[in-house]
Protein backbone atom coordinates (compact mmCIF):
# COMPACT_ATOMS: atom_id res chain seq x y z
CA MET A 1 -16.02 3.90 -2.90
CA LEU A 2 -18.79 5.13 -4.82
CA PHE A 3 -21.91 7.13 -3.56
CA ASN A 4 -23.99 5.07 -5.39
CA SER A 5 -23.07 1.31 -3.69
CA ILE A 6 -24.26 -0.93 -1.17
CA GLU A 7 -20.57 -0.22 1.03
CA PHE A 8 -21.54 3.71 1.56
CA ALA A 9 -24.98 3.13 2.44
CA ILE A 10 -23.76 1.30 5.25
CA PHE A 11 -20.84 3.59 5.73
CA LEU A 12 -22.21 6.93 6.06
CA PRO A 13 -24.88 6.07 8.81
CA VAL A 14 -21.93 4.58 10.88
CA VAL A 15 -19.69 7.52 10.57
CA ALA A 16 -23.01 9.81 11.29
CA ILE A 17 -24.35 7.92 14.14
CA LEU A 18 -20.83 7.35 16.02
CA TYR A 19 -20.37 11.34 15.21
CA PHE A 20 -23.28 12.25 16.60
CA ILE A 21 -22.23 10.52 19.72
CA LEU A 22 -18.79 11.85 20.24
CA GLU A 23 -20.22 15.54 19.77
CA ALA A 24 -23.06 14.63 22.71
CA LYS A 25 -20.41 12.75 24.85
CA ALA A 26 -16.49 13.86 24.63
CA GLU A 27 -15.77 16.87 26.22
CA SER A 28 -13.30 17.59 23.59
CA HIS A 29 -14.25 18.28 19.78
CA THR A 30 -11.19 17.05 18.31
CA VAL A 31 -12.24 13.56 19.19
CA SER A 32 -14.82 13.92 16.41
CA ASN A 33 -12.69 15.45 13.90
CA ILE A 34 -10.38 12.42 14.54
CA TRP A 35 -13.31 10.04 13.99
CA LEU A 36 -13.96 12.23 10.82
CA LEU A 37 -10.80 11.89 9.80
CA ALA A 38 -10.18 8.58 10.10
CA ALA A 39 -13.27 7.89 7.98
CA SER A 40 -12.56 10.36 5.43
CA TYR A 41 -9.07 8.12 5.24
CA PHE A 42 -10.87 5.13 5.10
CA TYR A 43 -13.28 6.11 2.18
CA TYR A 44 -10.06 7.04 0.10
CA MET A 45 -8.10 3.81 0.66
CA TYR A 46 -11.41 1.77 -0.09
CA ALA A 47 -9.98 1.34 -3.62
CA ASP A 48 -6.06 1.42 -2.77
CA VAL A 49 -4.03 1.90 0.00
CA ARG A 50 -1.63 3.76 -1.87
CA TYR A 51 -4.15 6.47 -1.88
CA GLY A 52 -3.71 7.20 1.86
CA LEU A 53 -0.04 8.11 1.52
CA LEU A 54 -0.11 10.84 -1.13
CA LEU A 55 -3.70 12.04 0.44
CA ALA A 56 -1.12 12.49 3.51
CA SER A 57 1.52 14.33 1.49
CA VAL A 58 -0.33 16.88 0.32
CA THR A 59 -1.97 17.64 3.63
CA LEU A 60 1.22 18.44 5.31
CA ILE A 61 3.04 20.26 2.52
CA SER A 62 -0.19 22.86 2.57
CA PHE A 63 -0.57 22.67 6.65
CA GLY A 64 3.08 23.13 7.07
CA SER A 65 3.15 25.53 3.95
CA GLY A 66 0.62 27.51 5.98
CA TYR A 67 2.19 27.44 9.29
CA LEU A 68 5.55 28.96 8.31
CA MET A 69 4.17 31.73 6.42
CA LYS A 70 1.86 32.68 9.69
CA ASN A 71 3.84 32.52 12.37
CA VAL A 72 7.56 31.52 11.10
CA ILE A 73 8.41 34.27 8.27
CA SER A 74 6.99 37.29 8.08
CA GLU A 75 9.54 38.76 5.73
CA HIS A 76 7.22 39.05 2.09
CA ARG A 77 9.44 37.71 -0.19
CA MET A 78 10.03 34.74 1.54
CA ARG A 79 6.71 34.35 2.85
CA LYS A 80 6.22 34.56 -1.42
CA ARG A 81 8.86 32.32 -2.00
CA ILE A 82 7.44 29.78 0.05
CA MET A 83 3.64 30.18 -1.06
CA LEU A 84 5.28 29.45 -4.82
CA LEU A 85 7.25 26.75 -3.64
CA THR A 86 4.38 24.99 -2.26
CA VAL A 87 2.48 25.25 -5.82
CA VAL A 88 5.65 23.93 -7.69
CA LEU A 89 4.96 21.05 -5.48
CA LEU A 90 1.69 20.36 -5.48
CA VAL A 91 0.83 21.29 -8.81
CA GLY A 92 4.07 19.32 -9.94
CA MET A 93 2.31 16.41 -8.45
CA LEU A 94 -0.61 16.60 -10.07
CA PHE A 95 0.94 17.10 -13.57
CA PHE A 96 3.63 14.20 -12.69
CA PHE A 97 0.27 12.11 -11.52
CA LYS A 98 -1.43 13.36 -15.00
CA TYR A 99 0.88 13.56 -17.63
CA ALA A 100 4.17 12.11 -16.82
CA GLY A 101 2.60 8.96 -18.44
CA LEU A 102 1.31 10.59 -21.66
CA LEU A 103 4.74 12.66 -22.22
CA SER A 104 7.17 9.38 -21.83
CA SER A 105 4.74 8.10 -24.35
CA LEU A 106 5.77 11.25 -26.82
CA ILE A 107 9.61 10.35 -26.11
CA SER A 108 9.04 6.47 -26.66
CA LYS A 109 5.67 4.38 -26.67
CA GLU A 110 7.32 1.43 -26.23
CA SER A 111 9.22 2.07 -22.34
CA SER A 112 6.10 5.00 -21.39
CA LEU A 113 5.63 5.33 -17.88
CA LYS A 114 2.05 3.21 -16.43
CA ILE A 115 0.73 5.34 -14.21
CA ILE A 116 -2.43 5.22 -12.23
CA LEU A 117 -4.29 8.54 -12.06
CA PRO A 118 -5.46 8.75 -7.71
CA VAL A 119 -9.02 9.01 -8.13
CA GLY A 120 -10.07 13.08 -6.75
CA ILE A 121 -6.10 14.03 -7.16
CA SER A 122 -7.16 17.45 -8.82
CA PHE A 123 -9.57 18.17 -6.39
CA TYR A 124 -8.27 17.52 -3.29
CA ILE A 125 -4.51 19.59 -4.38
CA PHE A 126 -6.48 22.21 -5.65
CA GLN A 127 -9.35 22.43 -2.08
CA SER A 128 -5.57 22.27 -0.21
CA LEU A 129 -4.26 24.95 -2.45
CA THR A 130 -6.78 27.77 -1.57
CA TYR A 131 -5.73 27.14 2.20
CA VAL A 132 -2.13 28.28 1.24
CA PHE A 133 -3.38 31.17 -0.93
CA GLU A 134 -5.80 32.56 1.19
CA ILE A 135 -3.36 32.23 4.33
CA TYR A 136 -0.44 34.57 1.99
CA GLN A 137 -3.04 36.94 0.98
CA GLY A 138 -4.14 37.19 4.66
CA LYS A 139 -7.62 36.68 4.22
CA THR A 140 -7.33 33.60 6.79
CA ASP A 141 -6.10 32.47 9.76
CA THR A 142 -3.69 29.19 10.42
CA ALA A 143 -5.75 26.37 11.39
CA LYS A 144 -6.55 25.56 15.48
CA SER A 145 -5.24 22.14 14.83
CA PHE A 146 -3.33 19.92 12.84
CA ILE A 147 -6.07 17.49 13.04
CA SER A 148 -9.12 19.93 12.18
CA TYR A 149 -7.15 20.91 9.42
CA ALA A 150 -6.39 17.31 7.94
CA ALA A 151 -10.42 16.49 8.56
CA PHE A 152 -10.82 19.76 6.31
CA ALA A 153 -8.02 18.60 3.64
CA SER A 154 -8.80 15.31 3.21
CA PHE A 155 -13.36 15.87 4.17
CA PHE A 156 -14.91 12.56 2.02
CA PRO A 157 -17.81 14.17 0.73
CA VAL A 158 -15.92 16.75 -0.78
CA LEU A 159 -12.67 14.20 -1.59
CA LEU A 160 -13.45 12.22 -4.99
CA SER A 161 -15.46 15.22 -7.03
CA GLY A 162 -15.87 18.22 -4.88
CA PRO A 163 -17.47 20.95 -4.79
CA ILE A 164 -13.87 22.47 -4.15
CA GLU A 165 -14.26 24.27 -0.88
CA LYS A 166 -12.31 27.59 -0.08
CA SER A 167 -10.62 27.00 3.30
CA SER A 168 -12.11 29.97 4.68
CA HIS A 169 -15.31 28.81 4.19
CA LEU A 170 -15.00 25.20 5.19
CA LEU A 171 -12.35 24.41 7.75
CA PRO A 172 -13.73 26.67 10.41
CA GLN A 173 -17.14 24.67 10.54
CA PHE A 174 -14.64 21.55 11.76
CA ASP A 175 -14.07 23.96 15.12
CA GLU A 176 -18.00 24.06 15.17
CA ARG A 177 -19.79 21.49 17.81
CA HIS A 178 -22.85 19.32 15.08
CA HIS A 179 -25.36 17.94 16.74
CA PHE A 180 -28.34 16.04 15.76
CA ASP A 181 -30.74 18.10 13.97
CA TYR A 182 -34.12 15.99 12.45
CA GLU A 183 -35.18 19.05 10.12
CA ARG A 184 -31.43 19.50 9.03
CA ILE A 185 -31.18 16.04 8.31
CA ARG A 186 -34.16 15.58 6.27
CA HIS A 187 -33.17 18.17 4.16
CA GLY A 188 -30.00 17.04 3.51
CA LEU A 189 -31.56 13.70 2.52
CA ILE A 190 -33.60 15.22 0.27
CA ARG A 191 -30.84 16.89 -1.54
CA MET A 192 -28.86 13.03 -1.11
CA ALA A 193 -31.94 11.33 -2.88
CA TYR A 194 -32.45 14.12 -5.78
CA GLY A 195 -28.88 13.55 -6.21
CA TYR A 196 -29.29 9.38 -6.86
CA PHE A 197 -32.39 10.27 -8.82
CA LEU A 198 -29.84 12.35 -11.43
CA LYS A 199 -27.34 9.80 -11.31
CA LEU A 200 -29.56 6.74 -11.87
CA VAL A 201 -32.67 7.24 -13.30
CA LEU A 202 -31.13 10.39 -15.72
CA ALA A 203 -27.21 9.89 -16.38
CA SER A 204 -27.42 5.90 -16.25
CA ARG A 205 -29.81 5.56 -18.98
CA ILE A 206 -28.61 8.50 -20.97
CA ALA A 207 -25.79 6.94 -20.74
CA ILE A 208 -26.31 3.51 -22.23
CA ALA A 209 -27.88 5.39 -25.60
CA VAL A 210 -24.98 8.15 -25.90
CA ASP A 211 -22.59 4.93 -25.41
CA LEU A 212 -24.19 2.72 -28.43
CA ILE A 213 -24.32 5.66 -30.94
CA TYR A 214 -20.05 6.44 -29.97
CA ASP A 215 -18.99 3.38 -29.68
CA ASN A 216 -20.41 3.05 -33.63
CA TYR A 217 -19.90 6.37 -34.85
CA MET A 218 -18.64 5.23 -38.26
CA ASP A 219 -21.58 3.46 -38.87
CA VAL A 220 -24.07 6.05 -37.75
CA SER A 221 -25.59 9.48 -39.65
CA GLY A 222 -24.71 12.92 -38.54
CA TYR A 223 -27.96 13.65 -36.72
CA GLN A 224 -27.71 10.42 -34.39
CA LEU A 225 -24.14 11.69 -34.03
CA LEU A 226 -25.10 15.36 -33.29
CA LEU A 227 -28.23 13.89 -30.93
CA ALA A 228 -26.39 11.70 -28.71
CA THR A 229 -23.82 14.51 -27.94
CA CYS A 230 -26.78 16.65 -27.07
CA LEU A 231 -27.83 13.91 -25.07
CA TYR A 232 -24.52 13.73 -23.35
CA SER A 233 -24.63 17.55 -22.82
CA VAL A 234 -27.63 16.45 -20.20
CA GLN A 235 -25.81 13.36 -19.27
CA ILE A 236 -22.48 15.19 -17.54
CA PHE A 237 -24.82 17.40 -16.24
CA CYS A 238 -26.85 14.54 -14.36
CA ASP A 239 -24.02 12.95 -13.48
CA PHE A 240 -21.51 15.80 -11.94
CA ALA A 241 -24.41 17.42 -10.58
CA SER A 242 -25.50 14.16 -8.73
CA TYR A 243 -22.22 13.90 -7.32
CA SER A 244 -22.14 17.29 -5.79
CA THR A 245 -25.66 17.31 -4.84
CA ILE A 246 -24.88 13.69 -2.90
CA ALA A 247 -22.04 15.54 -1.17
CA ILE A 248 -23.71 18.66 -0.28
CA GLY A 249 -26.40 16.74 1.18
CA THR A 250 -23.98 13.94 3.28
CA ALA A 251 -21.88 16.55 4.08
CA GLU A 252 -25.51 18.87 5.45
CA ILE A 253 -26.15 15.50 7.88
CA LEU A 254 -22.96 15.74 9.62
CA GLY A 255 -24.07 19.37 9.64
CA PHE A 256 -21.55 20.55 7.31
CA ARG A 257 -22.24 23.67 4.87
CA LEU A 258 -21.00 23.00 0.96
CA THR A 259 -21.04 25.51 -1.58
CA GLU A 260 -23.26 25.11 -4.74
CA ASN A 261 -21.51 23.85 -7.24
CA PHE A 262 -24.15 23.76 -10.16
CA THR A 263 -27.33 26.47 -10.47
CA GLN A 264 -29.50 25.57 -13.12
CA PRO A 265 -26.89 26.15 -16.31
CA PHE A 266 -29.88 25.35 -19.31
CA PHE A 267 -31.44 28.51 -18.42
CA THR A 268 -28.68 30.74 -18.99
CA ASP A 269 -28.43 32.86 -22.05
CA SER A 270 -24.86 33.30 -22.70
CA CYS A 271 -22.13 30.92 -22.75
CA ALA A 272 -20.18 33.63 -19.44
CA ALA A 273 -23.66 32.92 -17.25
CA PHE A 274 -23.46 29.10 -18.04
CA TRP A 275 -19.73 29.24 -16.85
CA ARG A 276 -21.15 31.04 -13.68
CA HIS A 277 -23.69 27.99 -12.94
CA TRP A 278 -21.74 25.13 -13.77
CA HIS A 279 -19.18 23.22 -11.51
CA ILE A 280 -19.23 27.02 -9.75
CA THR A 281 -16.74 26.31 -7.25
CA LEU A 282 -13.90 25.41 -10.13
CA ASN A 283 -14.57 28.10 -11.92
CA ASN A 284 -14.23 30.18 -9.29
CA TRP A 285 -10.77 28.77 -8.31
CA PHE A 286 -9.77 29.66 -11.35
CA ARG A 287 -11.11 33.36 -11.40
CA ASP A 288 -9.51 33.99 -7.71
CA TYR A 289 -6.42 32.45 -7.94
CA VAL A 290 -5.57 32.70 -12.14
CA TYR A 291 -7.66 34.86 -13.61
CA ILE A 292 -7.90 38.15 -11.26
CA PRO A 293 -4.12 37.69 -10.59
CA LEU A 294 -3.51 37.70 -14.28
CA GLY A 295 -5.13 41.02 -14.67
CA GLY A 296 -8.73 40.09 -15.00
CA ASN A 297 -10.39 43.28 -16.63
CA ARG A 298 -8.41 45.77 -14.89
CA LYS A 299 -6.01 46.17 -17.83
CA GLY A 300 -7.99 46.65 -21.32
CA THR A 301 -10.44 44.48 -23.53
CA VAL A 302 -7.69 42.43 -25.16
CA ARG A 303 -6.07 41.31 -21.97
CA LYS A 304 -9.36 40.53 -20.56
CA TYR A 305 -9.93 38.15 -23.69
CA LEU A 306 -6.18 36.57 -23.03
CA ASN A 307 -6.84 36.23 -19.25
CA ILE A 308 -10.04 34.10 -20.17
CA PHE A 309 -8.10 32.06 -23.39
CA ILE A 310 -6.04 31.33 -20.58
CA VAL A 311 -8.42 30.39 -17.83
CA PHE A 312 -10.10 28.04 -19.77
CA THR A 313 -6.84 26.61 -21.57
CA LEU A 314 -5.85 25.56 -18.35
CA SER A 315 -9.23 23.90 -17.11
CA GLY A 316 -9.07 22.05 -19.98
CA MET A 317 -5.57 20.47 -19.12
CA TRP A 318 -7.07 20.28 -15.46
CA HIS A 319 -9.22 17.97 -16.73
CA GLY A 320 -7.16 15.34 -18.85
CA ALA A 321 -3.84 14.88 -20.22
CA ASP A 322 -5.38 14.76 -23.90
CA ILE A 323 -5.23 17.29 -26.68
CA THR A 324 -8.86 16.65 -26.68
CA TYR A 325 -9.66 18.02 -23.31
CA ILE A 326 -7.17 21.23 -23.99
CA LEU A 327 -8.68 22.12 -27.14
CA TRP A 328 -12.23 21.92 -25.32
CA GLY A 329 -11.12 24.38 -23.01
CA MET A 330 -9.68 26.82 -25.15
CA LEU A 331 -12.95 26.21 -27.46
CA SER A 332 -14.91 27.31 -24.55
CA GLY A 333 -13.03 30.15 -23.82
CA LEU A 334 -13.01 31.65 -27.67
CA PHE A 335 -16.67 31.04 -27.49
CA GLN A 336 -17.28 33.70 -24.68
CA ILE A 337 -14.49 35.84 -26.75
CA MET A 338 -16.62 35.51 -29.61
CA GLU A 339 -20.05 36.01 -27.63
CA ALA A 340 -18.83 39.41 -26.02
CA LEU A 341 -17.88 40.63 -29.76
CA ILE A 342 -20.96 40.47 -30.68
CA ALA A 343 -22.46 41.38 -27.63
CA PRO A 344 -24.34 44.83 -29.25
CA LEU A 345 -26.14 42.15 -31.71
CA ARG A 346 -27.17 39.39 -29.22
CA LYS A 347 -29.29 41.95 -27.25
CA HIS A 348 -31.61 41.92 -29.83
CA PHE A 349 -32.38 38.12 -29.68
CA PRO A 350 -35.38 36.81 -27.85
CA ARG A 351 -34.54 35.26 -24.61
CA TRP A 352 -35.64 31.79 -25.51
CA LEU A 353 -32.82 31.64 -28.67
CA LYS A 354 -29.85 33.14 -26.77
CA VAL A 355 -30.78 29.91 -24.11
CA PHE A 356 -30.92 27.48 -27.33
CA PHE A 357 -27.81 29.12 -28.89
CA THR A 358 -25.87 28.61 -25.36
CA PHE A 359 -26.99 24.86 -25.30
CA MET A 360 -25.67 24.09 -28.82
CA LEU A 361 -22.25 26.17 -28.02
CA PHE A 362 -21.84 23.77 -25.32
CA THR A 363 -22.67 20.54 -26.86
CA PHE A 364 -20.42 21.56 -30.15
CA SER A 365 -17.26 21.71 -27.29
CA MET A 366 -19.22 18.27 -26.02
CA PHE A 367 -17.63 16.47 -29.58
CA LEU A 368 -14.14 16.97 -28.24
CA PHE A 369 -14.98 16.03 -24.38
CA ARG A 370 -16.51 13.21 -25.48
CA SER A 371 -14.42 11.45 -27.73
CA ASP A 372 -11.50 9.36 -27.10
CA ASP A 373 -9.09 11.43 -29.34
CA ILE A 374 -8.94 14.17 -31.50
CA GLU A 375 -9.11 11.56 -34.51
CA GLN A 376 -12.74 10.00 -33.56
CA ALA A 377 -13.65 13.88 -32.68
CA GLY A 378 -13.07 15.11 -36.08
CA ILE A 379 -14.67 12.76 -38.05
CA ILE A 380 -17.71 12.90 -35.95
CA ILE A 381 -17.78 16.51 -36.00
CA GLY A 382 -16.79 15.81 -39.88
CA LYS A 383 -19.99 13.66 -40.39
CA VAL A 384 -22.31 15.58 -38.21
CA PHE A 385 -21.36 18.67 -40.70
CA THR A 386 -21.62 16.78 -43.66
CA GLN A 387 -23.92 13.45 -43.55
CA PHE A 388 -26.61 15.19 -41.57
CA ASP A 389 -28.82 12.88 -43.24
CA PHE A 390 -32.53 14.96 -42.78
CA ALA A 391 -34.24 11.41 -43.57
CA SER A 392 -32.91 10.10 -40.51
CA ILE A 393 -34.80 12.44 -38.37
CA LEU A 394 -37.79 11.10 -39.05
CA THR A 395 -37.12 7.16 -39.81
CA THR A 396 -34.82 6.84 -36.46
CA SER A 397 -36.60 5.63 -33.46
CA PRO A 398 -36.39 6.80 -30.21
CA PHE A 399 -36.87 3.02 -29.10
CA GLU A 400 -33.71 2.25 -31.24
CA LEU A 401 -30.86 3.53 -28.82
CA GLY A 402 -30.52 0.98 -26.71
CA LEU A 403 -33.04 1.91 -24.20
CA GLY A 404 -36.05 -0.55 -25.43
CA VAL A 405 -39.67 1.22 -24.60
CA PHE A 406 -39.74 1.14 -20.73
CA ASN A 407 -36.68 2.56 -20.14
CA PHE A 408 -37.04 5.07 -22.61
CA LEU A 409 -40.21 5.59 -21.47
CA TYR A 410 -38.93 5.89 -17.75
CA LEU A 411 -36.10 8.63 -18.87
CA ILE A 412 -38.54 11.01 -20.40
CA ALA A 413 -41.03 10.72 -16.96
CA GLY A 414 -37.49 11.42 -15.05
CA VAL A 415 -36.93 14.75 -17.82
CA ILE A 416 -39.96 16.26 -16.84
CA VAL A 417 -39.09 15.51 -12.84
CA LEU A 418 -35.63 17.30 -13.59
CA LEU A 419 -37.67 20.27 -15.28
CA ILE A 420 -40.18 20.39 -12.60
CA TYR A 421 -37.29 20.55 -9.69
CA ASP A 422 -35.23 22.68 -11.52
CA MET A 423 -37.69 25.18 -11.97
CA ILE A 424 -38.52 25.21 -8.43
CA ASN A 425 -35.25 25.68 -7.52
CA GLU A 426 -34.78 28.45 -9.89
CA ARG A 427 -37.76 30.26 -8.38
CA THR A 428 -37.00 29.91 -4.69
CA GLY A 429 -33.23 29.03 -4.33
CA ASP A 430 -33.47 25.88 -2.35
CA ALA A 431 -36.29 23.52 -4.36
CA ALA A 432 -35.36 20.93 -1.38
CA ALA A 433 -36.84 23.37 1.45
CA TYR A 434 -39.40 24.24 -0.74
CA ILE A 435 -40.38 20.27 -0.78
CA ALA A 436 -39.91 20.07 2.79
CA SER A 437 -42.51 23.07 3.46
CA ARG A 438 -45.58 21.46 1.66
CA ARG A 439 -48.44 19.78 3.14
CA THR A 440 -47.92 15.85 4.05
CA PRO A 441 -49.55 14.70 0.78
CA VAL A 442 -47.85 16.24 -0.87
CA ARG A 443 -44.13 16.21 0.14
CA TRP A 444 -44.71 12.43 0.77
CA ALA A 445 -45.84 11.93 -2.58
CA PHE A 446 -42.67 13.26 -4.25
CA TYR A 447 -40.48 11.25 -1.63
CA TYR A 448 -42.66 7.85 -2.72
CA LEU A 449 -42.24 9.21 -6.23
CA MET A 450 -37.88 9.98 -5.88
CA VAL A 451 -37.81 6.38 -3.86
CA ILE A 452 -40.21 3.77 -6.45
CA MET A 453 -38.28 6.14 -9.31
CA ILE A 454 -34.33 5.23 -8.38
CA LEU A 455 -35.85 1.52 -7.03
CA GLY A 456 -36.72 0.80 -10.75
CA SER A 457 -33.15 1.98 -11.99
CA VAL A 458 -30.86 0.02 -9.65
CA SER A 459 -30.73 -3.11 -11.92
CA ILE A 460 -28.78 -0.07 -14.18
CA GLY A 461 -26.00 -0.79 -12.03
CA ALA A 462 -23.75 1.55 -9.84
CA GLN A 463 -22.02 2.91 -12.77
CA GLN A 464 -18.78 5.14 -12.22
CA PHE A 465 -19.19 9.23 -11.64
CA ILE A 466 -17.68 10.81 -14.76
CA TYR A 467 -15.60 13.40 -13.02
CA PHE A 468 -13.73 10.26 -10.73
CA GLN A 469 -11.37 10.15 -13.76
CA PHE A 470 -10.63 14.26 -13.54
């Protein structure tokens, strides 16, 4: 079930209304958690009933592991073995669904396995693993009940594409009472509206131009390919940030507080800072459970750089079973290492130039991320450097990118709104709260602008979110 679908527009109000009724009327908070659990499984199994069995398996394994480490086994060595066994089982499950088909095709293309990647598996396995790790490290207690843990592990706003919540942050909220609160719900709806704006007004329109150029990459100039890849950098931000923003707003309506996943990454002036503002929860996961256990920056400069390289290589593998993703991760790590090596030189650059270089380095890595395979990526990168054709900068009309005049101007207006919203967010830390606190004419002018621009984009269609494939 897509966030940007009619089904979800019906699903969310029904879930929220019944949840608040149960919270107000039921004697036990468990009843409302059972309702959330049932709603989450319905949401996940809407596309394929078999997905529910996989989610239940992950939930049972991680819950059982936490229970054994906390309540049954006291010996450190045995607890460590339980933790490692759980990691092997869950990561092995993820590896099977992501890589078994690729590995079998390398052995025999005729008899390769045809395995469907369950949507969201990378996200809810990583979220469940936070519970296992935090129990092992003594940072959290076991869930008060299996129902509350199962509701945490399957919570529908974050189930398909995050944010990847730590159990110590989200799990205790399933033991709190959440009642109807107008101000909280209004704030959540503003967040959701902005998320839909990012997806429908911006990401879906940019996708038209990007897909047109990439589908004809052999026939276009290097300049057009560079332009398309710059646009793709903005597209993937708008697409993924839209999902996270809608998820955060949806959870807030129900009374749950989620972790911010994007905080103006294109305003940052270094690659290291960029990754602290982009897909924050995934990068924090790798930092806490891979980078720091490997030694972090505590074992010398060379080891620090090696750890960065390992973390981003693993991040590339997490994204998909293709060499392009692995190389993308490796390149992202190398950019940070190179940046650190030339730090004395970079400090003399003006900030705007560092922001520009950071964006362009990220865009260069997107050649790999957007390409269908390594061969296509090689051709595109080669054309950008050897067939740039400066004349095409002047001769290529923006109206020839598949959008037409109306949609192109619509997109420009949307980008302006995006910049204003992000500048407010950068300054205040909460643009939604800032807008909600403005005078009535200003506040409602923004509301109407969002609604009109979103409704004017519905005809483009409900496209799947990019990160569903991961």
